[in-house]
Each structure stands twice: as C-alpha cells, then as structure tokens.
Amino acid sequence: MTTDSTVLIVPGLREHVPEHWQTLLAAKLPKVHTVPPLEQDKLSCIARVEALDRALRAIDGPVILVAHSAGVMMVAHWAQTAQPHSIKGALLATPADVENPFPEGYPTTDTLRDHGWLPIPRRPLPFPSLVVASRNDPLCAFERAQALAQEWGSELEDLGPVGHLNPAAGFGEWPQALELIGRLDR
C-alpha cells in the first residue's frame, strides 16, 4: 500500500504485542509510527493522551490514526482537547467500552474511572473516522460501538463475529486493515 499519509498506530492498554495485527501492519507500511509504550502511569488516560499528542507532533504531513481497543478511547479523549493536527482520518477498531465492566483479567470500571478514562467523550470527532465493530466483542457490545460511532460522527463497519480483533480472538494478520486505511486516505 502506498500513501502520502503517515499511519500512527495507537495500541490499547496491552500496548505492543508482537503477534497483534497492529504490530504486523506496522511492519508492512513504509510511513508508520507507533505511540510508544509508557514507562510509568501505564493506566493513566492523561499520560496516554499526552504520549499520543507527542507522537503526532513528531510527524510532518497528513496522518491516519489506526487505534485499537483502549487506543480508540485515547483518540476520543485527545480529539476533545488537542490542537488541530493534519489528521486525514482515523480507523477506530473494536473500541473498549470503559463505562461497562470488562471480563476478569482487565482493569475494573472503578480503576479506569480513577485513572481518567470515564466518561467516554461523545462529541463528534473533528476528522473523518471509521469505527470497526465486532458482533461478539467481550469488551464492547455491538450496540454500544454503534452508538459511539453515531455520537462521534463516524462511519460504522460491521465485521461480524470477530471477538476483540486480537490474538486471543484468532487475529494476527488482519488484511482488511489495509483496505480500510486506503478508504480513509482517499
């Protein structure tokens, strides 16, 4: 895939997983950056939004954000307060619904609230966006993803039953990501 835009990968709370589709995608793209992992304050929404902002300020030219899970929430929080940047579009894959309890092994709703993740920003995003949702995501009901897409002014892409679109759901490679990035880059 060739593009004039730089892709900025925005991972979720589990950050950089070698077999994750975002990591594999980054290895294929010529113009790509990734929001770096945090050394401390790993659950802090503010620290993650600041890391996203620093990563964006280091890029010249148009950017396509490619966020997954809590990374989608980082983009939503960043977009509410950030200075305009040349965001051409955002691929927001399987958002994590931080307002509802997650399965065991994930942070609790109270922990997420204490670290600044709640409430989920609901104003329209100031750039084109595509929310990609799963019919059986354990971290976000399809109807919730659909409502967020509408509130953010995003187009909704129904992926069917793909779990949380992560290695645990059987996803390493996700070839459709390239097609969706291309759609945003037009």
C-alpha atoms as a PDB file:
ATOM      1  CA  MET A   1       0.000   0.000   0.000  1.00  0.00           C
ATOM      2  CA  THR A   2       1.315   3.426  -0.885  1.00  0.00           C
ATOM      3  CA  THR A   3       0.057   6.581   0.739  1.00  0.00           C
ATOM      4  CA  ASP A   4       1.159  10.143   1.244  1.00  0.00           C
ATOM      5  CA  SER A   5      -0.142   9.943   4.793  1.00  0.00           C
ATOM      6  CA  THR A   6       1.788   8.626   7.759  1.00  0.00           C
ATOM      7  CA  VAL A   7      -0.027   5.945   9.736  1.00  0.00           C
ATOM      8  CA  LEU A   8       0.152   6.377  13.505  1.00  0.00           C
ATOM      9  CA  ILE A   9      -0.577   3.140  15.361  1.00  0.00           C
ATOM     10  CA  VAL A  10      -2.376   3.726  18.688  1.00  0.00           C
ATOM     11  CA  PRO A  11      -2.305   0.482  20.719  1.00  0.00           C
ATOM     12  CA  GLY A  12      -4.620  -0.315  23.611  1.00  0.00           C
ATOM     13  CA  LEU A  13      -3.719  -0.932  27.237  1.00  0.00           C
ATOM     14  CA  ARG A  14      -1.757  -4.098  26.461  1.00  0.00           C
ATOM     15  CA  GLU A  15       0.478  -1.925  24.254  1.00  0.00           C
ATOM     16  CA  HIS A  16       2.848  -3.695  21.873  1.00  0.00           C
ATOM     17  CA  VAL A  17       2.061  -7.375  21.363  1.00  0.00           C
ATOM     18  CA  PRO A  18       4.342  -8.969  18.728  1.00  0.00           C
ATOM     19  CA  GLU A  19       1.612 -11.090  17.083  1.00  0.00           C
ATOM     20  CA  HIS A  20      -1.060  -8.336  17.163  1.00  0.00           C
ATOM     21  CA  TRP A  21      -2.456  -7.100  13.844  1.00  0.00           C
ATOM     22  CA  GLN A  22      -1.272  -3.528  14.589  1.00  0.00           C
ATOM     23  CA  THR A  23       2.319  -4.702  15.076  1.00  0.00           C
ATOM     24  CA  LEU A  24       2.192  -6.823  11.912  1.00  0.00           C
ATOM     25  CA  LEU A  25       0.592  -3.951   9.978  1.00  0.00           C
ATOM     26  CA  ALA A  26       3.292  -1.515  11.100  1.00  0.00           C
ATOM     27  CA  ALA A  27       5.957  -3.846   9.673  1.00  0.00           C
ATOM     28  CA  LYS A  28       4.301  -3.621   6.232  1.00  0.00           C
ATOM     29  CA  LEU A  29       3.846   0.128   5.913  1.00  0.00           C
ATOM     30  CA  PRO A  30       6.510   2.493   4.554  1.00  0.00           C
ATOM     31  CA  LYS A  31       5.372   5.563   6.544  1.00  0.00           C
ATOM     32  CA  VAL A  32       4.398   4.454  10.021  1.00  0.00           C
ATOM     33  CA  HIS A  33       4.936   5.472  13.633  1.00  0.00           C
ATOM     34  CA  THR A  34       3.603   3.908  16.812  1.00  0.00           C
ATOM     35  CA  VAL A  35       2.671   5.635  20.049  1.00  0.00           C
ATOM     36  CA  PRO A  36       5.466   4.373  22.324  1.00  0.00           C
ATOM     37  CA  PRO A  37       4.730   2.330  25.446  1.00  0.00           C
ATOM     38  CA  LEU A  38       4.609   4.139  28.752  1.00  0.00           C
ATOM     39  CA  GLU A  39       7.343   3.525  31.299  1.00  0.00           C
ATOM     40  CA  GLN A  40       5.124   4.562  34.221  1.00  0.00           C
ATOM     41  CA  ASP A  41       1.497   5.574  34.810  1.00  0.00           C
ATOM     42  CA  LYS A  42       0.502   2.801  32.400  1.00  0.00           C
ATOM     43  CA  LEU A  43      -3.205   3.100  33.271  1.00  0.00           C
ATOM     44  CA  SER A  44      -3.312   6.909  33.184  1.00  0.00           C
ATOM     45  CA  CYS A  45      -5.549   8.182  30.411  1.00  0.00           C
ATOM     46  CA  ILE A  46      -3.882  11.605  30.651  1.00  0.00           C
ATOM     47  CA  ALA A  47      -0.392  10.113  30.251  1.00  0.00           C
ATOM     48  CA  ARG A  48      -1.543   8.086  27.246  1.00  0.00           C
ATOM     49  CA  VAL A  49      -3.232  11.076  25.611  1.00  0.00           C
ATOM     50  CA  GLU A  50      -0.024  13.087  26.142  1.00  0.00           C
ATOM     51  CA  ALA A  51       2.001  10.262  24.532  1.00  0.00           C
ATOM     52  CA  LEU A  52      -0.380  10.299  21.553  1.00  0.00           C
ATOM     53  CA  ASP A  53      -0.020  14.073  21.260  1.00  0.00           C
ATOM     54  CA  ARG A  54       3.808  13.860  21.391  1.00  0.00           C
ATOM     55  CA  ALA A  55       3.794  11.168  18.695  1.00  0.00           C
ATOM     56  CA  LEU A  56       1.566  13.291  16.456  1.00  0.00           C
ATOM     57  CA  ARG A  57       3.707  16.409  16.912  1.00  0.00           C
ATOM     58  CA  ALA A  58       6.740  14.421  15.720  1.00  0.00           C
ATOM     59  CA  ILE A  59       5.088  13.709  12.344  1.00  0.00           C
ATOM     60  CA  ASP A  60       5.069  16.141   9.426  1.00  0.00           C
ATOM     61  CA  GLY A  61       2.199  15.989   6.977  1.00  0.00           C
ATOM     62  CA  PRO A  62      -1.136  14.185   6.965  1.00  0.00           C
ATOM     63  CA  VAL A  63      -1.751  11.355   9.438  1.00  0.00           C
ATOM     64  CA  ILE A  64      -4.135   8.421   9.568  1.00  0.00           C
ATOM     65  CA  LEU A  65      -4.687   7.156  13.096  1.00  0.00           C
ATOM     66  CA  VAL A  66      -5.066   3.391  13.495  1.00  0.00           C
ATOM     67  CA  ALA A  67      -6.354   2.739  17.011  1.00  0.00           C
ATOM     68  CA  HIS A  68      -7.489  -0.444  18.738  1.00  0.00           C
ATOM     69  CA  SER A  69      -9.394  -1.085  21.962  1.00  0.00           C
ATOM     70  CA  ALA A  70      -8.471   1.490  24.645  1.00  0.00           C
ATOM     71  CA  GLY A  71      -6.405   3.198  21.935  1.00  0.00           C
ATOM     72  CA  VAL A  72      -9.756   4.241  20.428  1.00  0.00           C
ATOM     73  CA  MET A  73     -10.638   5.890  23.738  1.00  0.00           C
ATOM     74  CA  MET A  74      -7.242   7.632  23.767  1.00  0.00           C
ATOM     75  CA  VAL A  75      -8.064   9.116  20.354  1.00  0.00           C
ATOM     76  CA  ALA A  76     -11.534  10.203  21.537  1.00  0.00           C
ATOM     77  CA  HIS A  77     -10.082  11.900  24.638  1.00  0.00           C
ATOM     78  CA  TRP A  78      -7.247  13.502  22.628  1.00  0.00           C
ATOM     79  CA  ALA A  79      -9.650  14.845  19.985  1.00  0.00           C
ATOM     80  CA  GLN A  80     -11.695  16.710  22.631  1.00  0.00           C
ATOM     81  CA  THR A  81      -8.801  18.862  23.828  1.00  0.00           C
ATOM     82  CA  ALA A  82      -5.988  18.770  21.276  1.00  0.00           C
ATOM     83  CA  GLN A  83      -4.809  21.464  18.956  1.00  0.00           C
ATOM     84  CA  PRO A  84      -5.746  20.724  15.364  1.00  0.00           C
ATOM     85  CA  HIS A  85      -3.329  18.489  13.516  1.00  0.00           C
ATOM     86  CA  SER A  86      -3.474  17.271   9.954  1.00  0.00           C
ATOM     87  CA  ILE A  87      -5.487  14.117  10.709  1.00  0.00           C
ATOM     88  CA  LYS A  88      -6.755  12.748   7.433  1.00  0.00           C
ATOM     89  CA  GLY A  89      -8.814  10.065   9.153  1.00  0.00           C
ATOM     90  CA  ALA A  90      -8.983   7.532  11.941  1.00  0.00           C
ATOM     91  CA  LEU A  91      -9.553   3.788  11.856  1.00  0.00           C
ATOM     92  CA  LEU A  92     -11.062   3.020  15.275  1.00  0.00           C
ATOM     93  CA  ALA A  93     -11.074  -0.763  15.651  1.00  0.00           C
ATOM     94  CA  THR A  94     -13.112  -2.546  18.325  1.00  0.00           C
ATOM     95  CA  PRO A  95     -13.363   0.240  20.899  1.00  0.00           C
ATOM     96  CA  ALA A  96     -13.151  -0.774  24.552  1.00  0.00           C
ATOM     97  CA  ASP A  97     -16.323   0.273  26.368  1.00  0.00           C
ATOM     98  CA  VAL A  98     -14.682   1.569  29.543  1.00  0.00           C
ATOM     99  CA  GLU A  99     -18.054   2.509  31.033  1.00  0.00           C
ATOM    100  CA  ASN A 100     -19.135  -1.130  31.380  1.00  0.00           C
ATOM    101  CA  PRO A 101     -17.400  -3.932  33.290  1.00  0.00           C
ATOM    102  CA  PHE A 102     -14.707  -5.874  31.451  1.00  0.00           C
ATOM    103  CA  PRO A 103     -14.106  -9.619  31.811  1.00  0.00           C
ATOM    104  CA  GLU A 104     -11.806 -10.838  34.582  1.00  0.00           C
ATOM    105  CA  GLY A 105      -8.146 -10.015  33.973  1.00  0.00           C
ATOM    106  CA  TYR A 106      -8.863  -6.487  32.718  1.00  0.00           C
ATOM    107  CA  PRO A 107      -8.978  -3.283  34.802  1.00  0.00           C
ATOM    108  CA  THR A 108     -12.224  -2.673  36.673  1.00  0.00           C
ATOM    109  CA  THR A 109     -14.556   0.190  35.819  1.00  0.00           C
ATOM    110  CA  ASP A 110     -13.623   1.876  39.114  1.00  0.00           C
ATOM    111  CA  THR A 111      -9.908   1.588  38.313  1.00  0.00           C
ATOM    112  CA  LEU A 112     -10.484   3.067  34.855  1.00  0.00           C
ATOM    113  CA  ARG A 113     -12.564   5.901  36.365  1.00  0.00           C
ATOM    114  CA  ASP A 114      -9.795   6.607  38.890  1.00  0.00           C
ATOM    115  CA  HIS A 115      -7.291   6.855  36.022  1.00  0.00           C
ATOM    116  CA  GLY A 116      -9.341   9.332  33.953  1.00  0.00           C
ATOM    117  CA  TRP A 117     -10.949   7.106  31.310  1.00  0.00           C
ATOM    118  CA  LEU A 118     -14.564   7.921  32.222  1.00  0.00           C
ATOM    119  CA  PRO A 119     -16.774   9.306  30.929  1.00  0.00           C
ATOM    120  CA  ILE A 120     -16.253   8.402  27.282  1.00  0.00           C
ATOM    121  CA  PRO A 121     -16.124  11.607  25.192  1.00  0.00           C
ATOM    122  CA  ARG A 122     -19.172  11.794  22.972  1.00  0.00           C
ATOM    123  CA  ARG A 123     -18.709  14.949  20.884  1.00  0.00           C
ATOM    124  CA  PRO A 124     -18.192  14.479  17.146  1.00  0.00           C
ATOM    125  CA  LEU A 125     -14.583  13.897  16.157  1.00  0.00           C
ATOM    126  CA  PRO A 126     -13.039  16.748  14.137  1.00  0.00           C
ATOM    127  CA  PHE A 127     -11.835  14.404  11.362  1.00  0.00           C
ATOM    128  CA  PRO A 128     -13.279  11.564   9.269  1.00  0.00           C
ATOM    129  CA  SER A 129     -13.405   8.297  11.166  1.00  0.00           C
ATOM    130  CA  LEU A 130     -14.443   4.711  10.779  1.00  0.00           C
ATOM    131  CA  VAL A 131     -15.498   2.640  13.804  1.00  0.00           C
ATOM    132  CA  VAL A 132     -14.944  -1.043  13.134  1.00  0.00           C
ATOM    133  CA  ALA A 133     -17.094  -3.163  15.447  1.00  0.00           C
ATOM    134  CA  SER A 134     -17.495  -6.833  16.287  1.00  0.00           C
ATOM    135  CA  ARG A 135     -20.785  -8.612  16.947  1.00  0.00           C
ATOM    136  CA  ASN A 136     -19.255 -10.634  19.820  1.00  0.00           C
ATOM    137  CA  ASP A 137     -16.630  -8.363  21.361  1.00  0.00           C
ATOM    138  CA  PRO A 138     -16.242  -9.139  25.092  1.00  0.00           C
ATOM    139  CA  LEU A 139     -15.079  -5.544  25.691  1.00  0.00           C
ATOM    140  CA  CYS A 140     -17.851  -3.690  23.823  1.00  0.00           C
ATOM    141  CA  ALA A 141     -21.356  -4.719  22.817  1.00  0.00           C
ATOM    142  CA  PHE A 142     -22.065  -4.058  19.150  1.00  0.00           C
ATOM    143  CA  GLU A 143     -24.903  -1.688  20.052  1.00  0.00           C
ATOM    144  CA  ARG A 144     -22.532   0.384  22.214  1.00  0.00           C
ATOM    145  CA  ALA A 145     -19.984   0.608  19.378  1.00  0.00           C
ATOM    146  CA  GLN A 146     -22.801   1.590  17.033  1.00  0.00           C
ATOM    147  CA  ALA A 147     -23.922   4.366  19.428  1.00  0.00           C
ATOM    148  CA  LEU A 148     -20.348   5.653  19.836  1.00  0.00           C
ATOM    149  CA  ALA A 149     -19.890   5.736  16.060  1.00  0.00           C
ATOM    150  CA  GLN A 150     -23.050   7.798  15.727  1.00  0.00           C
ATOM    151  CA  GLU A 151     -22.045  10.210  18.524  1.00  0.00           C
ATOM    152  CA  TRP A 152     -18.543  10.642  17.098  1.00  0.00           C
ATOM    153  CA  GLY A 153     -19.890  11.214  13.568  1.00  0.00           C
ATOM    154  CA  SER A 154     -18.072   8.084  12.402  1.00  0.00           C
ATOM    155  CA  GLU A 155     -18.965   5.632   9.702  1.00  0.00           C
ATOM    156  CA  LEU A 156     -19.629   2.148  11.144  1.00  0.00           C
ATOM    157  CA  GLU A 157     -18.131  -1.035   9.680  1.00  0.00           C
ATOM    158  CA  ASP A 158     -19.727  -4.263  10.945  1.00  0.00           C
ATOM    159  CA  LEU A 159     -17.066  -7.007  10.991  1.00  0.00           C
ATOM    160  CA  GLY A 160     -19.414  -9.719  12.182  1.00  0.00           C
ATOM    161  CA  PRO A 161     -18.301 -12.053  14.992  1.00  0.00           C
ATOM    162  CA  VAL A 162     -14.547 -11.378  15.318  1.00  0.00           C
ATOM    163  CA  GLY A 163     -14.252 -11.149  19.112  1.00  0.00           C
ATOM    164  CA  HIS A 164     -11.985  -8.296  20.181  1.00  0.00           C
ATOM    165  CA  LEU A 165      -9.976  -8.483  16.935  1.00  0.00           C
ATOM    166  CA  ASN A 166      -6.839  -9.540  18.802  1.00  0.00           C
ATOM    167  CA  PRO A 167      -4.616 -12.629  19.026  1.00  0.00           C
ATOM    168  CA  ALA A 168      -6.925 -14.193  21.654  1.00  0.00           C
ATOM    169  CA  ALA A 169      -9.733 -13.998  19.059  1.00  0.00           C
ATOM    170  CA  GLY A 170      -7.509 -15.571  16.382  1.00  0.00           C
ATOM    171  CA  PHE A 171      -6.272 -12.375  14.759  1.00  0.00           C
ATOM    172  CA  GLY A 172      -2.653 -11.821  13.978  1.00  0.00           C
ATOM    173  CA  GLU A 173      -2.801 -10.625  10.405  1.00  0.00           C
ATOM    174  CA  TRP A 174      -5.856  -8.517   9.583  1.00  0.00           C
ATOM    175  CA  PRO A 175      -5.587  -7.757   5.839  1.00  0.00           C
ATOM    176  CA  GLN A 176      -8.793  -5.701   5.820  1.00  0.00           C
ATOM    177  CA  ALA A 177      -6.958  -3.005   7.810  1.00  0.00           C
ATOM    178  CA  LEU A 178      -5.042  -2.002   4.672  1.00  0.00           C
ATOM    179  CA  GLU A 179      -8.279  -1.658   2.697  1.00  0.00           C
ATOM    180  CA  LEU A 180      -9.885   0.455   5.427  1.00  0.00           C
ATOM    181  CA  ILE A 181      -6.804   2.699   5.719  1.00  0.00           C
ATOM    182  CA  GLY A 182      -6.915   3.142   1.947  1.00  0.00           C
ATOM    183  CA  ARG A 183     -10.553   4.160   2.181  1.00  0.00           C
ATOM    184  CA  LEU A 184      -9.680   6.829   4.774  1.00  0.00           C
ATOM    185  CA  ASP A 185      -6.709   8.007   2.719  1.00  0.00           C
ATOM    186  CA  ARG A 186      -8.796   8.858  -0.359  1.00  0.00           C
END
